[in-house]
Amino acid sequence: MLAAPLGTILLFSFWTQDFLTIDRTFTLDNYREALSDPLYSELLFRSLRIAGAVTVVTVLLAFPIAYFVSFHVRPDRKSLWLFLITIPFWTSYLIRVFLWRVILAFDGPVNGTLMGLGIIDEPLSWILYNANAVIITLAHAFAPFAILPIFVSLEKIDRSLLEAARDLGESRVATFFRVTLPLAMPGVLAAILIVFIPTIGDYVTPRLVGGSGGTMIANMIQTQFMRLNNAPMGATLAVIAMLSVTVISLLLVFVTRRWTRGR
């Protein structure tokens, strides 16, 4: 069920659009145009930058939460904390994006509070309708996806290993970096992939809060399919985006495994 649509997209990328019909003659013109047009290249690299920033911010914020729940919350209350973490899933993703649009608006609560406290004299213009707004919104949306796999990895760590490290004279900081973090890397890697892969394909958030500066490659793919009626070019951009994500994901897995084995 997954292979058939992907195979269809791959086939479309080697065809061309002839007005309202598809010319099924094999060609690489779509790839030549996609790789040579600076607009497509800029959108792809911007998407990779935004997805990377969202991944870094989300994982850095998720790890302390997962660590706190795993190591500092009583076992009988961990289920309650996990329940609270999943509360955002109760609300539609689209509604959450609209809420962030309201929060980050020029007359929204963020600017209103900062102006009321005298911290700023005029509304901040860099928190909405740009890449920053996309990063903030997506980081909040994917935070639970990052917290849960990290929490599972932390829960699997044998606490006696940490006690042994402390008995051998290691400080808490050294124990964290030499024992806890390497053992938790499978969960961290899972969180990175879970956040990075779908983020680069998101087009709803950039459309609603990104503005022209936050447009991503997925928005161009949607435009090619739905507005320009150019399915082959949209398929080509989709294939290029998927290949880029695949290469980066495999590189992350390779580097993480090498680092973990080295530790």
Protein backbone atom coordinates (compact mmCIF):
# COMPACT_ATOMS: atom_id res chain seq x y z
CA MET A 1 0.00 0.00 0.00
CA LEU A 2 2.94 2.32 0.54
CA ALA A 3 5.08 1.10 -2.35
CA ALA A 4 2.41 1.60 -5.02
CA PRO A 5 1.92 5.37 -4.42
CA LEU A 6 5.67 5.91 -4.13
CA GLY A 7 6.20 4.00 -7.35
CA THR A 8 3.55 6.09 -9.06
CA ILE A 9 5.20 9.32 -7.90
CA LEU A 10 8.54 8.05 -9.19
CA LEU A 11 7.02 7.25 -12.60
CA PHE A 12 5.35 10.65 -12.82
CA SER A 13 8.70 12.34 -12.22
CA PHE A 14 9.99 10.93 -15.53
CA TRP A 15 6.96 12.12 -17.52
CA THR A 16 5.86 15.59 -18.61
CA GLN A 17 2.65 17.55 -18.53
CA ASP A 18 1.15 18.28 -21.94
CA PHE A 19 -1.68 20.71 -21.16
CA LEU A 20 -4.39 18.47 -19.65
CA THR A 21 -2.73 15.16 -20.51
CA ILE A 22 0.39 13.37 -19.35
CA ASP A 23 3.12 12.64 -21.88
CA ARG A 24 4.51 9.27 -20.76
CA THR A 25 7.69 9.57 -22.81
CA PHE A 26 10.67 8.94 -20.54
CA THR A 27 12.63 12.13 -19.91
CA LEU A 28 14.95 13.71 -17.35
CA ASP A 29 13.89 17.26 -18.17
CA ASN A 30 11.99 17.64 -14.91
CA TYR A 31 15.09 16.79 -12.88
CA ARG A 32 17.26 19.10 -14.97
CA GLU A 33 14.82 21.96 -14.40
CA ALA A 34 14.40 21.19 -10.69
CA LEU A 35 18.17 21.05 -10.09
CA SER A 36 18.98 24.11 -12.19
CA ASP A 37 16.18 26.44 -11.15
CA PRO A 38 17.39 28.57 -8.19
CA LEU A 39 13.85 28.85 -6.83
CA TYR A 40 13.54 25.12 -6.26
CA SER A 41 17.03 24.89 -4.80
CA GLU A 42 16.36 27.76 -2.40
CA LEU A 43 13.09 26.19 -1.23
CA LEU A 44 14.76 22.81 -0.69
CA PHE A 45 17.68 24.22 1.28
CA ARG A 46 15.33 26.44 3.28
CA SER A 47 13.20 23.41 4.08
CA LEU A 48 16.26 21.48 5.24
CA ARG A 49 17.37 24.41 7.41
CA ILE A 50 13.94 24.83 8.97
CA ALA A 51 13.51 21.09 9.52
CA GLY A 52 16.98 20.92 11.07
CA ALA A 53 16.28 23.86 13.35
CA VAL A 54 12.93 22.39 14.40
CA THR A 55 14.62 19.06 15.15
CA VAL A 56 17.37 20.63 17.25
CA VAL A 57 14.99 22.84 19.21
CA THR A 58 12.48 20.04 19.77
CA VAL A 59 15.02 17.45 20.92
CA LEU A 60 16.84 19.92 23.18
CA LEU A 61 13.55 20.83 24.85
CA ALA A 62 12.24 17.26 24.94
CA PHE A 63 15.28 15.63 26.54
CA PRO A 64 15.13 17.52 29.87
CA ILE A 65 11.40 16.78 30.15
CA ALA A 66 11.90 13.09 29.41
CA TYR A 67 14.87 12.97 31.81
CA PHE A 68 12.88 14.61 34.58
CA VAL A 69 9.94 12.23 34.17
CA SER A 70 12.20 9.17 34.03
CA PHE A 71 14.59 10.00 36.89
CA HIS A 72 12.77 12.42 39.20
CA VAL A 73 9.09 11.45 39.05
CA ARG A 74 7.77 8.71 41.29
CA PRO A 75 6.91 5.51 39.38
CA ASP A 76 3.25 5.71 40.34
CA ARG A 77 2.97 9.22 38.82
CA LYS A 78 4.84 8.68 35.55
CA SER A 79 1.65 7.63 33.79
CA LEU A 80 0.03 10.90 34.81
CA TRP A 81 2.95 12.89 33.38
CA LEU A 82 2.84 10.96 30.13
CA PHE A 83 -0.90 11.57 30.00
CA LEU A 84 -0.31 15.32 30.37
CA ILE A 85 2.35 15.27 27.65
CA THR A 86 -0.13 13.76 25.19
CA ILE A 87 -2.85 16.35 25.84
CA PRO A 88 -1.91 18.41 22.72
CA PHE A 89 -2.96 15.40 20.63
CA TRP A 90 -6.52 16.00 21.77
CA THR A 91 -6.71 19.15 19.67
CA SER A 92 -6.69 19.23 15.88
CA TYR A 93 -3.30 20.04 14.40
CA LEU A 94 -4.88 22.77 12.31
CA ILE A 95 -6.39 24.40 15.39
CA ARG A 96 -3.01 24.36 17.15
CA VAL A 97 -1.43 26.12 14.19
CA PHE A 98 -4.16 28.78 14.24
CA LEU A 99 -3.64 29.22 17.99
CA TRP A 100 0.06 29.91 17.45
CA ARG A 101 -0.91 32.35 14.73
CA VAL A 102 -2.97 34.21 17.31
CA ILE A 103 -0.30 33.98 20.01
CA LEU A 104 2.46 35.32 17.75
CA ALA A 105 0.34 38.01 16.07
CA PHE A 106 1.32 41.66 16.22
CA ASP A 107 -1.58 42.29 18.60
CA GLY A 108 -1.30 38.88 20.25
CA PRO A 109 -0.49 38.02 23.88
CA VAL A 110 3.28 37.78 23.33
CA ASN A 111 3.69 41.28 21.94
CA GLY A 112 0.99 42.64 24.25
CA THR A 113 2.72 41.28 27.36
CA LEU A 114 6.18 42.49 26.30
CA MET A 115 4.84 45.95 25.48
CA GLY A 116 2.85 46.06 28.72
CA LEU A 117 5.99 45.27 30.72
CA GLY A 118 7.91 47.96 28.85
CA ILE A 119 10.41 45.48 27.40
CA ILE A 120 9.65 46.53 23.81
CA ASP A 121 8.21 49.72 22.34
CA GLU A 122 6.61 48.20 19.25
CA PRO A 123 5.42 44.72 18.25
CA LEU A 124 8.10 42.23 17.27
CA SER A 125 8.04 41.61 13.54
CA TRP A 126 10.30 38.54 13.49
CA ILE A 127 8.02 36.11 15.33
CA LEU A 128 5.28 35.77 12.71
CA TYR A 129 5.08 35.21 8.96
CA ASN A 130 8.65 34.03 8.64
CA ALA A 131 10.81 30.97 9.29
CA ASN A 132 10.93 31.70 13.03
CA ALA A 133 7.17 31.28 13.35
CA VAL A 134 7.34 27.99 11.45
CA ILE A 135 10.08 26.69 13.77
CA ILE A 136 8.19 27.67 16.92
CA THR A 137 4.92 26.15 15.74
CA LEU A 138 6.42 22.90 14.48
CA ALA A 139 8.60 22.49 17.59
CA HIS A 140 5.50 22.66 19.76
CA ALA A 141 3.54 20.32 17.49
CA PHE A 142 6.21 17.60 17.43
CA ALA A 143 7.41 17.90 21.04
CA PRO A 144 5.40 14.87 22.29
CA PHE A 145 6.80 12.75 19.45
CA ALA A 146 10.30 13.54 20.69
CA ILE A 147 9.62 13.19 24.42
CA LEU A 148 8.14 9.68 24.31
CA PRO A 149 10.97 7.77 22.53
CA ILE A 150 13.61 9.51 24.66
CA PHE A 151 11.65 8.64 27.79
CA VAL A 152 11.47 4.97 26.74
CA SER A 153 15.25 4.83 26.24
CA LEU A 154 15.90 6.46 29.60
CA GLU A 155 13.57 4.04 31.31
CA LYS A 156 15.54 1.09 29.91
CA ILE A 157 18.82 2.28 31.46
CA ASP A 158 19.95 0.07 34.33
CA ARG A 159 20.24 2.39 37.32
CA SER A 160 23.01 0.22 38.75
CA LEU A 161 25.27 1.40 35.95
CA LEU A 162 24.84 4.98 37.11
CA GLU A 163 25.55 3.95 40.70
CA ALA A 164 28.67 2.10 39.58
CA ALA A 165 29.92 5.18 37.74
CA ARG A 166 29.40 7.31 40.84
CA ASP A 167 31.15 4.72 43.03
CA LEU A 168 34.14 4.86 40.68
CA GLY A 169 34.44 8.59 41.30
CA GLU A 170 32.62 10.06 38.32
CA SER A 171 30.75 13.31 38.84
CA ARG A 172 27.08 13.65 37.95
CA VAL A 173 27.96 15.57 34.80
CA ALA A 174 30.56 13.02 33.71
CA THR A 175 28.16 10.17 34.45
CA PHE A 176 25.52 11.80 32.32
CA PHE A 177 27.78 12.28 29.29
CA ARG A 178 29.64 8.96 29.58
CA VAL A 179 26.81 6.65 30.66
CA THR A 180 23.31 8.13 30.47
CA LEU A 181 23.53 9.97 27.16
CA PRO A 182 25.19 7.14 25.16
CA LEU A 183 22.62 4.64 26.45
CA ALA A 184 19.80 7.05 25.61
CA MET A 185 21.03 7.71 22.06
CA PRO A 186 18.67 5.16 20.41
CA GLY A 187 15.74 7.17 21.75
CA VAL A 188 17.38 10.47 20.79
CA LEU A 189 18.01 9.19 17.27
CA ALA A 190 14.41 7.98 17.01
CA ALA A 191 13.20 11.40 18.17
CA ILE A 192 15.40 13.14 15.59
CA LEU A 193 14.07 11.01 12.74
CA ILE A 194 10.46 11.22 13.93
CA VAL A 195 10.66 15.02 13.97
CA PHE A 196 12.91 15.70 10.98
CA ILE A 197 11.26 13.46 8.38
CA PRO A 198 7.64 14.73 8.63
CA THR A 199 8.70 18.32 9.30
CA ILE A 200 10.29 18.79 5.92
CA GLY A 201 7.06 17.66 4.27
CA ASP A 202 4.76 19.95 6.22
CA TYR A 203 2.99 22.57 4.13
CA VAL A 204 0.10 23.61 6.40
CA THR A 205 2.22 25.40 9.00
CA PRO A 206 4.36 27.36 6.48
CA ARG A 207 1.17 28.34 4.65
CA LEU A 208 -0.54 29.71 7.76
CA VAL A 209 2.30 31.25 9.79
CA GLY A 210 5.34 31.25 7.51
CA GLY A 211 4.58 33.96 5.00
CA SER A 212 6.90 34.33 2.02
CA GLY A 213 9.99 33.87 4.17
CA GLY A 214 8.77 30.58 5.60
CA THR A 215 7.61 28.87 2.41
CA MET A 216 8.99 25.34 2.12
CA ILE A 217 9.42 22.79 -0.65
CA ALA A 218 6.17 21.06 0.33
CA ASN A 219 4.28 24.25 -0.49
CA MET A 220 5.77 24.25 -3.98
CA ILE A 221 4.90 20.55 -4.42
CA GLN A 222 1.31 21.29 -3.42
CA THR A 223 1.23 24.22 -5.83
CA GLN A 224 2.53 22.12 -8.71
CA PHE A 225 -0.07 19.41 -8.15
CA MET A 226 -3.13 21.50 -7.27
CA ARG A 227 -2.74 24.93 -8.86
CA LEU A 228 -0.36 24.61 -11.81
CA ASN A 229 -1.67 21.19 -12.83
CA ASN A 230 1.90 19.98 -13.31
CA ALA A 231 1.94 16.63 -11.55
CA PRO A 232 5.26 15.47 -13.09
CA MET A 233 7.14 18.48 -11.72
CA GLY A 234 5.45 18.10 -8.36
CA ALA A 235 6.44 14.43 -8.34
CA THR A 236 10.01 15.36 -9.26
CA LEU A 237 10.28 17.81 -6.36
CA ALA A 238 8.78 15.18 -4.05
CA VAL A 239 11.34 12.59 -5.14
CA ILE A 240 14.23 15.03 -4.67
CA ALA A 241 12.93 15.95 -1.21
CA MET A 242 12.57 12.28 -0.24
CA LEU A 243 16.09 11.48 -1.46
CA SER A 244 17.51 14.41 0.49
CA VAL A 245 15.76 13.28 3.66
CA THR A 246 16.90 9.69 3.11
CA VAL A 247 20.56 10.67 2.69
CA ILE A 248 20.53 12.91 5.77
CA SER A 249 18.71 10.28 7.86
CA LEU A 250 21.15 7.54 6.89
CA LEU A 251 24.05 9.86 7.68
CA LEU A 252 22.58 10.60 11.11
CA VAL A 253 22.14 6.88 11.82
CA PHE A 254 25.73 6.15 10.73
CA VAL A 255 27.25 8.96 12.79
CA THR A 256 25.20 8.08 15.86
CA ARG A 257 26.15 4.42 15.71
CA ARG A 258 29.82 5.25 15.29
CA TRP A 259 29.69 7.68 18.21
CA THR A 260 27.80 5.24 20.43
CA ARG A 261 30.23 2.40 19.70
CA GLY A 262 33.14 4.72 20.35
CA ARG A 263 31.72 5.57 23.75
